[in-house]
Protein backbone atom coordinates (compact mmCIF):
# COMPACT_ATOMS: atom_id res chain seq x y z
CA UNK A 1 74.47 -23.32 8.70
CA UNK A 2 73.50 -22.00 5.28
CA UNK A 3 71.15 -24.97 4.76
CA UNK A 4 69.34 -24.11 8.02
CA UNK A 5 68.88 -20.49 6.96
CA UNK A 6 67.04 -21.36 3.74
CA UNK A 7 63.77 -22.57 5.38
CA UNK A 8 63.86 -19.60 7.72
CA UNK A 9 64.30 -17.22 4.82
CA UNK A 10 61.43 -18.90 2.93
CA UNK A 11 59.21 -18.69 6.02
CA UNK A 12 60.11 -15.05 6.54
CA UNK A 13 59.35 -14.33 2.90
CA UNK A 14 55.97 -16.03 3.19
CA UNK A 15 55.15 -14.09 6.36
CA UNK A 16 56.15 -10.82 4.73
CA UNK A 17 54.12 -11.70 1.62
CA UNK A 18 51.14 -12.54 3.81
CA UNK A 19 51.47 -9.29 5.71
CA UNK A 20 51.78 -7.36 2.48
CA UNK A 21 48.69 -9.10 1.09
CA UNK A 22 46.76 -8.39 4.28
CA UNK A 23 47.79 -4.73 4.22
CA UNK A 24 46.75 -4.53 0.57
CA UNK A 25 43.38 -6.18 1.23
CA UNK A 26 42.81 -4.00 4.28
CA UNK A 27 43.63 -0.92 2.24
CA UNK A 28 41.29 -2.03 -0.54
CA UNK A 29 38.49 -2.59 1.98
CA UNK A 30 38.88 0.79 3.64
CA UNK A 31 36.68 3.76 2.76
CA UNK A 32 37.54 5.56 -0.46
CA UNK A 33 37.09 8.98 1.14
CA UNK A 34 37.07 10.55 4.58
CA UNK A 35 33.76 12.26 3.85
CA UNK A 36 31.30 11.97 0.99
CA UNK A 37 27.61 12.52 0.33
CA UNK A 38 25.30 9.55 0.07
CA UNK A 39 24.23 8.40 -3.37
CA UNK A 40 21.61 5.98 -4.61
CA UNK A 41 22.91 2.56 -5.61
CA UNK A 42 20.60 -0.11 -7.01
CA UNK A 43 21.13 -3.84 -6.62
CA UNK A 44 19.13 -5.51 -9.37
CA UNK A 45 17.09 -8.59 -8.54
CA UNK A 46 19.14 -11.73 -9.23
CA UNK A 47 22.43 -9.87 -9.76
CA UNK A 48 25.49 -12.03 -8.85
CA UNK A 49 28.11 -10.89 -6.34
CA UNK A 50 30.72 -10.22 -9.05
CA UNK A 51 28.41 -7.84 -10.92
CA UNK A 52 27.42 -6.02 -7.73
CA UNK A 53 31.06 -5.61 -6.67
CA UNK A 54 32.07 -4.31 -10.10
CA UNK A 55 29.15 -1.86 -10.09
CA UNK A 56 30.18 -0.59 -6.65
CA UNK A 57 33.72 -0.02 -7.86
CA UNK A 58 32.52 1.67 -11.06
CA UNK A 59 30.34 3.96 -8.93
CA UNK A 60 33.47 4.80 -6.87
CA UNK A 61 31.83 3.55 -3.69
CA UNK A 62 34.49 0.91 -2.96
CA UNK A 63 38.19 0.72 -3.79
CA UNK A 64 38.41 -2.77 -5.22
CA UNK A 65 35.74 -5.16 -6.51
CA UNK A 66 37.92 -8.23 -6.01
CA UNK A 67 38.59 -7.41 -2.37
CA UNK A 68 34.86 -6.80 -1.79
CA UNK A 69 34.04 -10.18 -3.33
CA UNK A 70 36.70 -11.87 -1.20
CA UNK A 71 35.24 -10.30 1.96
CA UNK A 72 31.71 -11.46 1.09
CA UNK A 73 32.90 -15.02 0.41
CA UNK A 74 35.06 -15.11 3.55
CA UNK A 75 32.00 -14.10 5.60
CA UNK A 76 29.81 -16.65 3.82
CA UNK A 77 27.59 -13.86 2.48
CA UNK A 78 28.22 -14.20 -1.25
CA UNK A 79 24.60 -15.25 -1.86
CA UNK A 80 23.04 -12.98 0.77
CA UNK A 81 23.01 -9.57 -0.92
CA UNK A 82 19.46 -8.27 -1.26
CA UNK A 83 18.01 -6.46 -4.25
CA UNK A 84 16.81 -2.91 -3.79
CA UNK A 85 17.70 0.74 -3.73
CA UNK A 86 20.35 1.84 -1.22
CA UNK A 87 21.88 5.09 -0.07
CA UNK A 88 25.64 4.54 0.11
CA UNK A 89 28.68 6.76 0.55
CA UNK A 90 32.34 6.45 -0.42
CA UNK A 91 33.08 7.36 3.21
CA UNK A 92 31.82 3.92 4.29
CA UNK A 93 34.26 1.00 4.55
CA UNK A 94 33.50 -1.98 2.34
CA UNK A 95 32.47 -4.02 5.39
CA UNK A 96 29.72 -1.50 6.26
CA UNK A 97 28.49 -1.42 2.66
CA UNK A 98 28.38 -5.21 2.66
CA UNK A 99 26.48 -5.18 5.97
CA UNK A 100 23.86 -2.86 4.49
CA UNK A 101 23.40 -4.96 1.35
CA UNK A 102 23.10 -8.17 3.37
CA UNK A 103 20.66 -6.63 5.87
CA UNK A 104 18.57 -5.16 3.06
CA UNK A 105 18.63 -1.64 4.50
CA UNK A 106 16.99 -0.21 1.41
CA UNK A 107 15.59 3.26 0.81
CA UNK A 108 11.87 3.45 1.58
CA UNK A 109 9.31 5.96 0.37
CA UNK A 110 6.28 7.28 2.22
CA UNK A 111 3.03 6.22 0.58
CA UNK A 112 -0.14 7.77 1.98
CA UNK A 113 -3.29 5.82 1.11
CA UNK A 114 -6.24 8.00 2.20
CA UNK A 115 -9.49 6.51 3.44
CA UNK A 116 -11.90 6.07 0.57
CA UNK A 117 -9.29 5.72 -2.18
CA UNK A 118 -10.16 3.18 -4.86
CA UNK A 119 -7.64 0.61 -6.03
CA UNK A 120 -7.26 2.64 -9.25
CA UNK A 121 -6.33 5.72 -7.22
CA UNK A 122 -3.88 3.69 -5.14
CA UNK A 123 -2.27 2.37 -8.32
CA UNK A 124 -1.94 5.90 -9.69
CA UNK A 125 -0.28 7.09 -6.48
CA UNK A 126 2.18 4.19 -6.47
CA UNK A 127 3.02 4.88 -10.11
CA UNK A 128 3.56 8.58 -9.37
CA UNK A 129 6.20 7.54 -6.81
CA UNK A 130 7.77 5.21 -9.40
CA UNK A 131 7.18 2.22 -7.13
CA UNK A 132 5.23 0.14 -9.63
CA UNK A 133 3.56 0.50 -13.02
CA UNK A 134 -0.11 1.50 -12.79
CA UNK A 135 -1.13 -1.27 -15.20
CA UNK A 136 0.83 -3.87 -13.24
CA UNK A 137 -0.94 -2.93 -10.02
CA UNK A 138 -4.35 -2.94 -11.74
CA UNK A 139 -3.66 -6.46 -13.01
CA UNK A 140 -2.38 -7.69 -9.64
CA UNK A 141 -5.41 -6.56 -7.62
CA UNK A 142 -7.65 -8.42 -10.10
CA UNK A 143 -5.52 -11.55 -10.30
CA UNK A 144 -7.67 -14.54 -9.22
CA UNK A 145 -4.61 -16.49 -8.07
CA UNK A 146 -3.41 -13.68 -5.78
CA UNK A 147 -6.94 -13.01 -4.49
CA UNK A 148 -7.47 -16.69 -3.74
CA UNK A 149 -4.10 -17.01 -1.99
CA UNK A 150 -5.17 -14.18 0.33
CA UNK A 151 -8.34 -16.05 1.25
CA UNK A 152 -10.88 -13.90 -0.60
CA UNK A 153 -13.53 -14.98 -3.07
CA UNK A 154 -14.08 -11.54 -4.59
CA UNK A 155 -13.33 -10.43 -8.15
CA UNK A 156 -10.79 -7.86 -6.97
CA UNK A 157 -9.07 -6.59 -3.83
CA UNK A 158 -11.18 -3.43 -3.80
CA UNK A 159 -12.15 -2.78 -0.19
CA UNK A 160 -9.25 -4.79 1.25
CA UNK A 161 -6.35 -2.40 0.47
CA UNK A 162 -6.21 -0.75 3.86
CA UNK A 163 -5.82 3.05 4.01
CA UNK A 164 -2.69 3.84 5.98
CA UNK A 165 0.67 5.60 5.73
CA UNK A 166 3.23 3.08 4.47
CA UNK A 167 6.96 3.10 3.87
CA UNK A 168 7.74 0.97 0.84
CA UNK A 169 10.99 0.29 -1.03
CA UNK A 170 11.37 0.28 -4.77
CA UNK A 171 11.71 -3.14 -6.34
CA UNK A 172 8.61 -4.76 -4.81
CA UNK A 173 6.21 -6.39 -7.23
CA UNK A 174 2.65 -5.10 -7.48
CA UNK A 175 1.47 -8.34 -5.86
CA UNK A 176 3.88 -7.85 -2.94
CA UNK A 177 2.61 -4.30 -2.37
CA UNK A 178 -0.99 -5.51 -2.49
CA UNK A 179 -0.14 -8.16 0.12
CA UNK A 180 1.27 -5.48 2.44
CA UNK A 181 -1.96 -3.44 2.23
CA UNK A 182 -4.15 -6.51 2.71
CA UNK A 183 -2.11 -7.55 5.76
CA UNK A 184 -2.92 -4.19 7.36
CA UNK A 185 -6.60 -4.69 6.51
CA UNK A 186 -6.57 -8.09 8.19
CA UNK A 187 -5.09 -6.61 11.38
CA UNK A 188 -7.82 -3.97 11.49
CA UNK A 189 -10.53 -6.52 10.72
CA UNK A 190 -9.36 -8.96 13.39
CA UNK A 191 -9.79 -6.24 16.00
CA UNK A 192 -13.35 -5.55 14.80
CA UNK A 193 -14.47 -9.10 13.97
CA UNK A 194 -16.37 -9.71 17.25
CA UNK A 195 -18.81 -6.98 16.19
CA UNK A 196 -19.38 -8.78 12.89
CA UNK A 197 -20.22 -11.97 14.75
CA UNK A 198 -22.76 -10.11 16.90
CA UNK A 199 -24.45 -8.65 13.80
CA UNK A 200 -24.19 -11.94 11.90
CA UNK A 201 -22.71 -9.97 9.01
CA UNK A 202 -20.26 -11.66 6.67
CA UNK A 203 -16.97 -9.92 5.98
CA UNK A 204 -17.60 -9.04 2.34
CA UNK A 205 -21.00 -7.48 3.04
CA UNK A 206 -19.51 -5.48 5.91
CA UNK A 207 -16.70 -4.20 3.70
CA UNK A 208 -19.15 -3.24 0.94
CA UNK A 209 -21.32 -1.30 3.39
CA UNK A 210 -18.26 0.34 4.99
CA UNK A 211 -16.97 1.39 1.57
CA UNK A 212 -20.27 3.18 0.86
CA UNK A 213 -20.25 4.89 4.26
CA UNK A 214 -16.67 6.01 3.57
CA UNK A 215 -17.68 7.72 0.32
CA UNK A 216 -20.86 9.29 1.70
CA UNK A 217 -19.30 11.33 4.50
CA UNK A 218 -15.95 12.65 5.65
CA UNK A 219 -17.25 13.51 9.13
CA UNK A 220 -16.27 10.76 11.59
CA UNK A 221 -19.22 11.22 13.96
CA UNK A 222 -21.69 10.91 11.07
CA UNK A 223 -20.50 7.51 9.94
CA UNK A 224 -22.58 5.43 12.40
CA UNK A 225 -25.68 7.45 11.42
CA UNK A 226 -25.02 7.01 7.69
CA UNK A 227 -24.53 3.29 8.31
CA UNK A 228 -27.80 3.17 10.26
CA UNK A 229 -29.71 4.67 7.31
CA UNK A 230 -28.42 1.97 4.97
CA UNK A 231 -28.94 -0.80 7.54
CA UNK A 232 -32.54 0.38 8.07
CA UNK A 233 -33.23 0.53 4.33
CA UNK A 234 -31.78 -2.93 3.77
CA UNK A 235 -33.91 -4.31 6.62
CA UNK A 236 -37.05 -2.82 5.03
CA UNK A 237 -36.22 -4.03 1.53
CA UNK A 238 -35.67 -0.48 0.25
CA UNK A 239 -33.10 0.45 -2.36
CA UNK A 240 -29.98 2.13 -0.96
CA UNK A 241 -30.11 4.96 -3.54
CA UNK A 242 -26.49 5.98 -2.97
CA UNK A 243 -24.89 8.30 -5.53
CA UNK A 244 -21.31 7.08 -4.89
CA UNK A 245 -22.27 3.53 -5.85
CA UNK A 246 -23.66 4.75 -9.17
CA UNK A 247 -20.54 6.83 -9.83
CA UNK A 248 -18.28 3.84 -9.13
CA UNK A 249 -20.02 1.86 -11.86
CA UNK A 250 -19.62 4.58 -14.50
CA UNK A 251 -16.51 4.25 -16.64
CA UNK A 252 -14.66 7.53 -17.18
CA UNK A 253 -17.02 9.48 -14.91
CA UNK A 254 -16.80 13.18 -15.83
CA UNK A 255 -17.87 14.55 -12.44
CA UNK A 256 -21.47 15.24 -13.45
CA UNK A 257 -24.07 12.71 -12.25
CA UNK A 258 -27.06 12.87 -14.59
CA UNK A 259 -30.65 11.64 -14.32
CA UNK A 260 -30.06 9.01 -17.01
CA UNK A 261 -27.17 7.66 -14.90
CA UNK A 262 -29.57 7.11 -12.00
CA UNK A 263 -32.05 5.42 -14.34
CA UNK A 264 -29.50 3.09 -15.97
CA UNK A 265 -30.26 -0.56 -15.05
CA UNK A 266 -27.17 -1.68 -16.96
CA UNK A 267 -24.93 -0.35 -14.20
CA UNK A 268 -24.72 -3.18 -11.62
CA UNK A 269 -23.63 -0.62 -9.00
CA UNK A 270 -26.75 1.51 -9.54
CA UNK A 271 -28.47 1.21 -6.17
CA UNK A 272 -31.33 3.39 -7.46
CA UNK A 273 -32.34 0.51 -9.74
CA UNK A 274 -31.00 -2.58 -7.96
CA UNK A 275 -32.01 -3.83 -4.52
CA UNK A 276 -29.51 -4.76 -1.85
CA UNK A 277 -25.81 -4.08 -1.67
CA UNK A 278 -23.82 -3.49 -4.86
CA UNK A 279 -21.71 -6.39 -6.21
CA UNK A 280 -18.56 -5.28 -4.40
CA UNK A 281 -16.90 -2.51 -2.40
CA UNK A 282 -16.67 0.91 -4.05
CA UNK A 283 -13.64 2.13 -2.09
CA UNK A 284 -11.16 1.05 0.54
CA UNK A 285 -12.66 2.00 3.91
CA UNK A 286 -10.77 2.90 7.06
CA UNK A 287 -11.27 1.61 10.58
CA UNK A 288 -14.01 4.14 11.50
CA UNK A 289 -16.19 3.20 8.52
CA UNK A 290 -15.64 -0.51 9.12
CA UNK A 291 -16.67 -0.02 12.74
CA UNK A 292 -19.74 1.98 11.67
CA UNK A 293 -20.82 -0.77 9.28
CA UNK A 294 -20.46 -3.36 12.03
CA UNK A 295 -22.03 -1.22 14.76
CA UNK A 296 -24.36 1.37 13.18
CA UNK A 297 -26.13 3.89 15.37
CA UNK A 298 -29.53 2.90 16.74
CA UNK A 299 -31.85 5.14 14.72
CA UNK A 300 -35.00 5.07 12.64
CA UNK A 301 -33.58 7.34 9.92
CA UNK A 302 -34.21 6.30 6.33
CA UNK A 303 -32.93 9.34 4.43
CA UNK A 304 -30.19 11.95 4.48
CA UNK A 305 -29.24 14.92 2.33
CA UNK A 306 -26.15 17.12 2.17
CA UNK A 307 -26.30 20.41 4.07
CA UNK A 308 -23.69 21.84 1.68
CA UNK A 309 -21.04 22.08 4.40
CA UNK A 310 -19.91 18.44 4.42
CA UNK A 311 -22.52 17.39 6.99
CA UNK A 312 -25.98 15.89 6.42
CA UNK A 313 -29.58 16.32 7.52
CA UNK A 314 -31.24 13.04 8.50
CA UNK A 315 -34.95 12.25 8.10
CA UNK A 316 -37.31 9.52 9.24
CA UNK A 317 -40.01 9.98 6.60
CA UNK A 318 -40.03 10.77 2.91
CA UNK A 319 -41.96 13.99 3.57
CA UNK A 320 -39.29 15.16 6.03
CA UNK A 321 -36.63 14.26 3.47
CA UNK A 322 -38.31 16.22 0.66
CA UNK A 323 -38.55 19.26 2.92
CA UNK A 324 -34.84 18.93 3.79
CA UNK A 325 -33.89 18.53 0.13
CA UNK A 326 -35.89 21.62 -0.84
CA UNK A 327 -34.38 23.60 2.00
CA UNK A 328 -30.75 22.79 1.29
CA UNK A 329 -31.04 22.82 -2.50
CA UNK A 330 -32.64 26.25 -2.26
CA UNK A 331 -29.80 27.38 0.02
CA UNK A 332 -27.26 26.01 -2.47
CA UNK A 333 -28.88 27.82 -5.40
CA UNK A 334 -28.94 31.07 -3.45
CA UNK A 335 -25.30 30.61 -2.45
CA UNK A 336 -25.96 30.44 1.29
């Protein structure tokens, strides 16, 4: 009788030990607190599961690193935790925290890229949000390997970093961010491409022209007219004579465009001295400017001048243009 009881006692002991272990694991996987505020937790790129679990325990977000590691391995997710910045709370059970790390539910930041921003301005904005180093972004958008992999033959990605409101996580490389912006450009371009085919205008030329239109006016309804002026001048073999192109080619521009700047043949972007389009885009144009470049207004305008209120006066002849310049410059000097 006693001999029969021994296996039963051993089995009972094993069952009780198993139950105790399960209770302990379950307790260690439960939330540390009933309520707690969310905190930022960063999973470094390439960090192993053990290090992540220990960091979570040290941050008092989970009860036990070993139990967290066991759960991840039991689920087959030991290699699936994604790098990034997370908002986590001690009120979350370990299973929910693991779910978030596996799904990559990282914190994202709003990045507004306005129409007409240059790639340098975009880099500065990304750096201000601590998303990437300014120098790293500047190098990425000029990297021939990245540019080639995106299907472009240009010297940089200027013109192809689409202006939009983005939500980006920390931890992306500069190249990855550039790819996101270019992907949005490609979507916009694909919707407009039929117009390019009609005009027999190659993509790079269209983007260059759109980038100039973008910098010349902030009034949407003027963009097709501005584009028509440049299209008409190009068709007649006239120089574009666009101030923004000159400014783009001046290093460390101080805000004051001088006569010697307009006369400088050493500036390849000086459209007062060089015929045709400049070597590349001078900004990153939005959809309206791209559309204007591909479908300019039907006009015979060859000139325009600022009316000092953001809008422009358009002229067909040089005499009309001189009269408009005198009129609006006089009004500017008199403060009207």
